[in-house]
Every structure is written in structure tokens, then in C-alpha cells.
């Protein structure tokens, strides 16, 4: 199980890196950054894409829960990974001292 959880953290990191690298700058430039709020939804979509593609179900790995339809677990796991990437970005920003405290 440790290897699988490490893979989940790695996917959260990759989802964050892809979101920041591919979408952050264009959204910052588009209409003065008005659409930057969309980054968390883009990260969620990337996380869901990863979990569907790799068939990752975090709730099954951690708690042994098996949904009747496997795609339910994949979507929930993708949302967790997408949020995890946002959380990871917040931690990195705070370490760098560039966090936008609200």
C-alpha cells in the first residue's frame, strides 16, 4: 500500500506542476487575471483524468471501500488528487514566501 500512496502523492505533484505550467500564466494574462479562480477546477479535472487513466481509487486503497461502479471511486480520487495539488501549491508558496494570504 505504501507504493500506491507514494504514487498518489506523485500524481498530485504532477497535477500541480501541469496546472501551474500550462494554465497559470495564460489565465493570469487573460483579462487581467480575472479567471485565475479556474485553476482549482483545472487541477481537479487533471486529477480526475489521472485517476480514470490509471484506475486509482484512494478510498479502496486506504479504507477497503469498493464502490458498485468503479468510476465513482476514480472521480472521488481525482477530486482528492486535484485538491491535493492545490494544497501542495499553497505549501510551496508559503515556503517560498509568495503566498497570497487572504
Protein backbone atom coordinates (compact mmCIF):
# COMPACT_ATOMS: atom_id res chain seq x y z
CA UNK A 1 0.00 0.00 0.00
CA UNK A 2 2.94 2.36 0.64
CA UNK A 3 3.94 2.31 -3.02
CA UNK A 4 0.40 3.15 -4.08
CA UNK A 5 0.16 6.07 -1.70
CA UNK A 6 3.51 7.34 -2.92
CA UNK A 7 2.08 7.16 -6.45
CA UNK A 8 -0.92 9.23 -5.30
CA UNK A 9 1.39 11.94 -3.92
CA UNK A 10 3.41 11.84 -7.11
CA UNK A 11 0.25 12.28 -9.20
CA UNK A 12 -0.81 15.21 -7.01
CA UNK A 13 2.59 16.79 -7.59
CA UNK A 14 2.40 16.21 -11.35
CA UNK A 15 -1.16 17.57 -11.49
CA UNK A 16 0.01 20.70 -9.69
CA UNK A 17 3.02 21.10 -11.95
CA UNK A 18 0.92 20.70 -15.08
CA UNK A 19 -1.72 23.12 -13.83
CA UNK A 20 0.84 25.78 -12.95
CA UNK A 21 2.99 25.30 -16.03
CA UNK A 22 0.25 25.04 -18.64
CA UNK A 23 -2.56 27.21 -17.28
CA UNK A 24 -1.36 29.64 -14.61
CA UNK A 25 0.41 32.17 -16.83
CA UNK A 26 -2.25 32.25 -19.58
CA UNK A 27 -5.02 32.75 -17.02
CA UNK A 28 -3.01 35.48 -15.29
CA UNK A 29 -2.61 37.35 -18.57
CA UNK A 30 -6.16 36.84 -19.85
CA UNK A 31 -8.28 39.86 -18.92
CA UNK A 32 -6.02 40.87 -16.06
CA UNK A 33 -6.18 37.56 -14.21
CA UNK A 34 -9.94 37.60 -13.85
CA UNK A 35 -10.15 33.85 -14.46
CA UNK A 36 -7.40 32.64 -12.10
CA UNK A 37 -10.10 31.13 -9.88
CA UNK A 38 -10.43 28.43 -12.55
CA UNK A 39 -7.04 26.92 -11.66
CA UNK A 40 -8.51 24.78 -8.90
CA UNK A 41 -11.13 23.37 -11.28
CA UNK A 42 -8.49 22.67 -13.90
CA UNK A 43 -6.38 20.87 -11.28
CA UNK A 44 -9.44 18.82 -10.30
CA UNK A 45 -10.06 17.87 -13.94
CA UNK A 46 -6.41 16.84 -14.36
CA UNK A 47 -6.61 14.77 -11.16
CA UNK A 48 -9.77 13.03 -12.37
CA UNK A 49 -8.11 12.36 -15.72
CA UNK A 50 -5.14 10.77 -13.97
CA UNK A 51 -7.31 8.59 -11.74
CA UNK A 52 -9.50 7.42 -14.60
CA UNK A 53 -6.46 6.74 -16.76
CA UNK A 54 -4.58 4.85 -14.05
CA UNK A 55 -7.72 3.43 -12.38
CA UNK A 56 -6.79 4.78 -8.97
CA UNK A 57 -9.31 4.56 -6.14
CA UNK A 58 -7.88 6.07 -2.96
CA UNK A 59 -10.84 5.05 -0.79
CA UNK A 60 -10.39 1.45 -1.85
CA UNK A 61 -6.64 1.57 -1.17
CA UNK A 62 -6.90 3.21 2.23
CA UNK A 63 -10.23 2.06 3.68
CA UNK A 64 -11.03 -1.02 1.61
CA UNK A 65 -14.25 0.53 0.28
CA UNK A 66 -15.36 -0.91 -3.06
CA UNK A 67 -17.97 1.07 -4.97
CA UNK A 68 -20.53 -0.73 -7.12
CA UNK A 69 -19.30 1.26 -10.13
CA UNK A 70 -15.51 1.74 -10.21
CA UNK A 71 -15.70 5.12 -11.93
CA UNK A 72 -17.22 6.59 -8.76
CA UNK A 73 -14.03 5.85 -6.84
CA UNK A 74 -11.92 7.19 -9.69
CA UNK A 75 -13.80 10.51 -9.75
CA UNK A 76 -13.66 10.93 -5.97
CA UNK A 77 -9.95 10.07 -6.00
CA UNK A 78 -9.35 12.52 -8.84
CA UNK A 79 -11.04 15.27 -6.86
CA UNK A 80 -8.85 14.41 -3.88
CA UNK A 81 -5.70 14.49 -6.02
CA UNK A 82 -6.84 17.77 -7.63
CA UNK A 83 -7.38 19.32 -4.22
CA UNK A 84 -4.13 17.81 -3.06
CA UNK A 85 -2.31 19.59 -5.84
CA UNK A 86 -3.87 22.89 -4.79
CA UNK A 87 -2.87 22.19 -1.19
CA UNK A 88 0.63 21.28 -2.36
CA UNK A 89 0.85 24.59 -4.23
CA UNK A 90 -0.22 26.50 -1.09
CA UNK A 91 2.51 24.80 0.94
CA UNK A 92 5.15 25.51 -1.71
CA UNK A 93 4.07 29.18 -1.92
CA UNK A 94 4.28 29.57 1.85
CA UNK A 95 7.73 28.00 1.95
CA UNK A 96 8.87 30.38 -0.79
CA UNK A 97 7.20 33.31 0.98
CA UNK A 98 5.00 34.17 -2.01
CA UNK A 99 1.65 33.08 -0.60
CA UNK A 100 -1.32 35.36 -1.09
CA UNK A 101 -2.79 35.42 2.43
CA UNK A 102 -6.49 36.07 2.43
